[in-house]
Structure formats: C-alpha cells, structure tokens
Amino acid sequence: MAAREIDPRAPEPPYRQIAADLIGEIARGELAPGRPLPSEKELTERYGVARNTARSALAVLRERGLIFTVTGRGSYVTDPARGGEDGHQGA
C-alpha cells in the first residue's frame, strides 16, 4: 500500500487527497471489509500531514459509509453486504 504523494498546492485539499487514496485502497481490496485502517498517527507519518488532516480524511470515509469507528479501537472498513459492522451503515 504505497501512499500517493500529497500535493499541498493542489486545488484539492490534502485531507481529500488522502481520502481519495484510501477509497482507492478499499475499492482495490487492499483494505478489506472488517479490517482496520491505519491509525491517525500512522496516516500522519505515511502522508506527512497533521493529525487533524488525517482525522478529516477519515471523516470523509465515515460520512460516505465506507468505514466505522470504534472508540478506543480504531476505524474499520464496513462490509457492504452486511450494511456495516453491526448491520447499520456506518457507526
């Protein structure tokens, strides 16, 4: 899972660039349903961004119903066949 380089001068904000990269990994099956996403800390190191930027990228995926977050445990890819981890879209 090689991270694409974030271009801070691009018209698309960095958090949206990261979200697009993660969406691509989900679509390709590199991040499979039920599997954890990298932590915010890992995303900051992987993309060279601030923690708030990584958090915003995860929020985009959560809003689209692609991931759910368990407090204190992390974020996970939803299972579209089940409508999310607990049968509900997102969490």
N, C-alpha and C. Protein backbone atom coordinates (compact mmCIF):
# COMPACT_ATOMS: atom_id res chain seq x y z
N MET A 1 0.84 -1.18 0.00
CA MET A 1 0.00 0.00 0.00
C MET A 1 0.88 1.24 0.00
N ALA A 2 1.34 1.62 -1.15
CA ALA A 2 2.16 2.82 -1.23
C ALA A 2 1.27 4.06 -1.25
N ALA A 3 1.57 4.98 -0.38
CA ALA A 3 0.78 6.21 -0.30
C ALA A 3 1.13 7.11 -1.47
N ARG A 4 0.10 7.73 -2.04
CA ARG A 4 0.40 8.70 -3.08
C ARG A 4 0.90 9.96 -2.40
N GLU A 5 1.72 10.68 -3.10
CA GLU A 5 2.28 11.91 -2.53
C GLU A 5 1.20 12.98 -2.47
N ILE A 6 1.12 13.65 -1.35
CA ILE A 6 0.15 14.72 -1.15
C ILE A 6 0.75 16.01 -1.69
N ASP A 7 -0.03 16.70 -2.51
CA ASP A 7 0.41 17.98 -3.08
C ASP A 7 -0.31 19.11 -2.36
N PRO A 8 0.37 19.80 -1.44
CA PRO A 8 -0.29 20.86 -0.67
C PRO A 8 -0.72 22.05 -1.52
N ARG A 9 -0.22 22.16 -2.75
CA ARG A 9 -0.59 23.28 -3.62
C ARG A 9 -1.69 22.90 -4.61
N ALA A 10 -2.14 21.66 -4.58
CA ALA A 10 -3.19 21.21 -5.49
C ALA A 10 -4.52 21.86 -5.10
N PRO A 11 -5.44 21.98 -6.06
CA PRO A 11 -6.76 22.57 -5.76
C PRO A 11 -7.53 21.73 -4.73
N GLU A 12 -7.31 20.42 -4.74
CA GLU A 12 -7.98 19.53 -3.80
C GLU A 12 -7.23 19.56 -2.47
N PRO A 13 -7.94 19.82 -1.34
CA PRO A 13 -7.25 19.89 -0.05
C PRO A 13 -6.57 18.55 0.30
N PRO A 14 -5.49 18.60 1.09
CA PRO A 14 -4.78 17.37 1.45
C PRO A 14 -5.67 16.29 2.06
N TYR A 15 -6.64 16.65 2.91
CA TYR A 15 -7.46 15.61 3.53
C TYR A 15 -8.30 14.89 2.48
N ARG A 16 -8.72 15.59 1.44
CA ARG A 16 -9.47 14.95 0.36
C ARG A 16 -8.57 14.07 -0.51
N GLN A 17 -7.31 14.46 -0.68
CA GLN A 17 -6.35 13.63 -1.41
C GLN A 17 -6.12 12.32 -0.66
N ILE A 18 -5.99 12.41 0.66
CA ILE A 18 -5.80 11.20 1.47
C ILE A 18 -7.05 10.34 1.40
N ALA A 19 -8.22 10.95 1.53
CA ALA A 19 -9.47 10.20 1.46
C ALA A 19 -9.57 9.47 0.12
N ALA A 20 -9.22 10.14 -0.97
CA ALA A 20 -9.28 9.52 -2.29
C ALA A 20 -8.33 8.33 -2.38
N ASP A 21 -7.16 8.47 -1.78
CA ASP A 21 -6.18 7.38 -1.78
C ASP A 21 -6.73 6.17 -1.01
N LEU A 22 -7.31 6.43 0.16
CA LEU A 22 -7.86 5.34 0.97
C LEU A 22 -9.08 4.70 0.29
N ILE A 23 -9.91 5.51 -0.36
CA ILE A 23 -11.06 4.98 -1.09
C ILE A 23 -10.56 4.04 -2.19
N GLY A 24 -9.49 4.42 -2.86
CA GLY A 24 -8.90 3.56 -3.89
C GLY A 24 -8.42 2.24 -3.31
N GLU A 25 -7.81 2.28 -2.13
CA GLU A 25 -7.35 1.04 -1.48
C GLU A 25 -8.52 0.15 -1.11
N ILE A 26 -9.61 0.74 -0.67
CA ILE A 26 -10.81 -0.03 -0.35
C ILE A 26 -11.38 -0.65 -1.62
N ALA A 27 -11.47 0.13 -2.69
CA ALA A 27 -12.02 -0.34 -3.96
C ALA A 27 -11.19 -1.48 -4.55
N ARG A 28 -9.87 -1.42 -4.37
CA ARG A 28 -8.98 -2.47 -4.89
C ARG A 28 -8.90 -3.68 -3.97
N GLY A 29 -9.52 -3.60 -2.80
CA GLY A 29 -9.48 -4.71 -1.86
C GLY A 29 -8.23 -4.75 -1.00
N GLU A 30 -7.41 -3.72 -1.09
CA GLU A 30 -6.21 -3.66 -0.25
C GLU A 30 -6.60 -3.43 1.21
N LEU A 31 -7.71 -2.74 1.42
CA LEU A 31 -8.31 -2.58 2.75
C LEU A 31 -9.64 -3.31 2.68
N ALA A 32 -9.68 -4.51 3.20
CA ALA A 32 -10.86 -5.37 3.07
C ALA A 32 -11.89 -5.10 4.16
N PRO A 33 -13.16 -5.45 3.89
CA PRO A 33 -14.21 -5.28 4.91
C PRO A 33 -13.85 -5.96 6.22
N GLY A 34 -14.09 -5.22 7.31
CA GLY A 34 -13.80 -5.73 8.65
C GLY A 34 -12.37 -5.51 9.10
N ARG A 35 -11.51 -5.11 8.19
CA ARG A 35 -10.11 -4.90 8.54
C ARG A 35 -9.90 -3.46 9.02
N PRO A 36 -8.94 -3.26 9.92
CA PRO A 36 -8.68 -1.91 10.42
C PRO A 36 -7.95 -1.05 9.40
N LEU A 37 -8.24 0.24 9.45
CA LEU A 37 -7.48 1.22 8.67
C LEU A 37 -6.25 1.60 9.48
N PRO A 38 -5.27 2.20 8.82
CA PRO A 38 -4.15 2.72 9.61
C PRO A 38 -4.67 3.75 10.62
N SER A 39 -4.00 3.84 11.75
CA SER A 39 -4.40 4.80 12.79
C SER A 39 -4.13 6.22 12.30
N GLU A 40 -4.69 7.20 13.00
CA GLU A 40 -4.42 8.60 12.66
C GLU A 40 -2.92 8.86 12.69
N LYS A 41 -2.25 8.34 13.70
CA LYS A 41 -0.80 8.53 13.82
C LYS A 41 -0.08 7.93 12.61
N GLU A 42 -0.48 6.72 12.22
CA GLU A 42 0.14 6.08 11.05
C GLU A 42 -0.12 6.89 9.78
N LEU A 43 -1.33 7.44 9.65
CA LEU A 43 -1.64 8.25 8.48
C LEU A 43 -0.82 9.53 8.45
N THR A 44 -0.58 10.15 9.62
CA THR A 44 0.22 11.37 9.65
C THR A 44 1.65 11.08 9.19
N GLU A 45 2.17 9.92 9.59
CA GLU A 45 3.53 9.55 9.19
C GLU A 45 3.57 9.15 7.71
N ARG A 46 2.58 8.42 7.27
CA ARG A 46 2.51 7.92 5.89
C ARG A 46 2.41 9.07 4.88
N TYR A 47 1.61 10.08 5.20
CA TYR A 47 1.36 11.17 4.26
C TYR A 47 2.09 12.47 4.61
N GLY A 48 2.71 12.53 5.78
CA GLY A 48 3.43 13.74 6.18
C GLY A 48 2.50 14.92 6.43
N VAL A 49 1.38 14.64 7.10
CA VAL A 49 0.38 15.68 7.38
C VAL A 49 0.12 15.77 8.88
N ALA A 50 -0.62 16.79 9.28
CA ALA A 50 -1.01 16.97 10.67
C ALA A 50 -2.11 15.98 11.04
N ARG A 51 -2.24 15.72 12.32
CA ARG A 51 -3.25 14.77 12.80
C ARG A 51 -4.68 15.20 12.43
N ASN A 52 -4.96 16.50 12.49
CA ASN A 52 -6.30 16.98 12.10
C ASN A 52 -6.60 16.70 10.64
N THR A 53 -5.57 16.74 9.80
CA THR A 53 -5.76 16.42 8.37
C THR A 53 -6.12 14.96 8.21
N ALA A 54 -5.41 14.08 8.91
CA ALA A 54 -5.72 12.65 8.86
C ALA A 54 -7.12 12.38 9.40
N ARG A 55 -7.47 13.05 10.48
CA ARG A 55 -8.80 12.90 11.09
C ARG A 55 -9.89 13.33 10.10
N SER A 56 -9.66 14.42 9.40
CA SER A 56 -10.63 14.91 8.41
C SER A 56 -10.79 13.92 7.26
N ALA A 57 -9.70 13.30 6.84
CA ALA A 57 -9.77 12.30 5.77
C ALA A 57 -10.63 11.12 6.20
N LEU A 58 -10.44 10.65 7.43
CA LEU A 58 -11.26 9.55 7.94
C LEU A 58 -12.72 9.95 8.06
N ALA A 59 -12.98 11.21 8.40
CA ALA A 59 -14.36 11.69 8.50
C ALA A 59 -15.06 11.61 7.14
N VAL A 60 -14.34 11.89 6.06
CA VAL A 60 -14.92 11.79 4.72
C VAL A 60 -15.36 10.35 4.45
N LEU A 61 -14.51 9.39 4.78
CA LEU A 61 -14.85 7.98 4.56
C LEU A 61 -16.02 7.55 5.44
N ARG A 62 -16.04 8.04 6.68
CA ARG A 62 -17.13 7.71 7.60
C ARG A 62 -18.45 8.27 7.08
N GLU A 63 -18.44 9.51 6.58
CA GLU A 63 -19.65 10.15 6.05
C GLU A 63 -20.18 9.40 4.83
N ARG A 64 -19.30 8.78 4.07
CA ARG A 64 -19.70 8.02 2.89
C ARG A 64 -20.11 6.59 3.23
N GLY A 65 -20.01 6.24 4.51
CA GLY A 65 -20.40 4.89 4.93
C GLY A 65 -19.39 3.82 4.58
N LEU A 66 -18.14 4.21 4.28
CA LEU A 66 -17.11 3.24 3.91
C LEU A 66 -16.38 2.67 5.11
N ILE A 67 -16.40 3.41 6.22
CA ILE A 67 -15.74 2.95 7.44
C ILE A 67 -16.64 3.25 8.63
N PHE A 68 -16.33 2.57 9.73
CA PHE A 68 -16.96 2.88 11.01
C PHE A 68 -15.84 2.94 12.04
N THR A 69 -16.06 3.69 13.10
CA THR A 69 -15.04 3.87 14.12
C THR A 69 -15.55 3.35 15.45
N VAL A 70 -14.70 2.60 16.13
CA VAL A 70 -14.99 2.10 17.47
C VAL A 70 -14.08 2.89 18.42
N THR A 71 -14.68 3.65 19.32
CA THR A 71 -13.92 4.49 20.23
C THR A 71 -12.87 3.67 20.97
N GLY A 72 -11.65 4.15 20.91
CA GLY A 72 -10.55 3.50 21.60
C GLY A 72 -9.96 2.30 20.85
N ARG A 73 -10.57 1.91 19.72
CA ARG A 73 -10.08 0.74 18.98
C ARG A 73 -9.63 1.08 17.58
N GLY A 74 -10.23 2.11 16.97
CA GLY A 74 -9.83 2.48 15.62
C GLY A 74 -10.97 2.46 14.63
N SER A 75 -10.61 2.62 13.36
CA SER A 75 -11.57 2.65 12.27
C SER A 75 -11.43 1.40 11.42
N TYR A 76 -12.56 0.90 10.94
CA TYR A 76 -12.61 -0.34 10.19
C TYR A 76 -13.42 -0.17 8.92
N VAL A 77 -13.08 -0.94 7.90
CA VAL A 77 -13.81 -0.90 6.64
C VAL A 77 -15.15 -1.58 6.85
N THR A 78 -16.24 -0.94 6.39
CA THR A 78 -17.55 -1.54 6.52
C THR A 78 -17.69 -2.70 5.55
N ASP A 79 -18.62 -3.58 5.86
CA ASP A 79 -18.93 -4.71 4.99
C ASP A 79 -20.22 -4.35 4.26
N PRO A 80 -20.13 -3.99 2.97
CA PRO A 80 -21.34 -3.56 2.26
C PRO A 80 -22.43 -4.62 2.23
N ALA A 81 -22.05 -5.88 2.29
CA ALA A 81 -23.04 -6.96 2.27
C ALA A 81 -23.85 -6.99 3.56
N ARG A 82 -23.25 -6.51 4.65
CA ARG A 82 -23.93 -6.50 5.94
C ARG A 82 -24.45 -5.12 6.32
N GLY A 83 -24.14 -4.11 5.50
CA GLY A 83 -24.59 -2.75 5.81
C GLY A 83 -23.80 -2.14 6.95
N GLY A 84 -22.58 -2.56 7.12
CA GLY A 84 -21.73 -2.04 8.19
C GLY A 84 -21.44 -3.11 9.21
N GLU A 85 -20.66 -2.80 10.19
CA GLU A 85 -20.18 -3.76 11.19
C GLU A 85 -21.32 -4.38 11.98
N ASP A 86 -22.30 -3.58 12.36
CA ASP A 86 -23.36 -4.11 13.21
C ASP A 86 -24.71 -4.13 12.50
N GLY A 87 -24.66 -4.14 11.17
CA GLY A 87 -25.91 -4.17 10.43
C GLY A 87 -26.44 -2.80 10.07
N HIS A 88 -25.77 -1.75 10.55
CA HIS A 88 -26.16 -0.38 10.23
C HIS A 88 -25.08 0.24 9.37
N GLN A 89 -25.48 1.10 8.47
CA GLN A 89 -24.50 1.77 7.63
C GLN A 89 -23.72 2.76 8.47
N GLY A 90 -22.43 2.56 8.57
CA GLY A 90 -21.60 3.42 9.41
C GLY A 90 -21.87 3.15 10.87
N ALA A 91 -21.19 3.88 11.76
CA ALA A 91 -21.43 3.71 13.19
C ALA A 91 -21.04 4.95 13.93
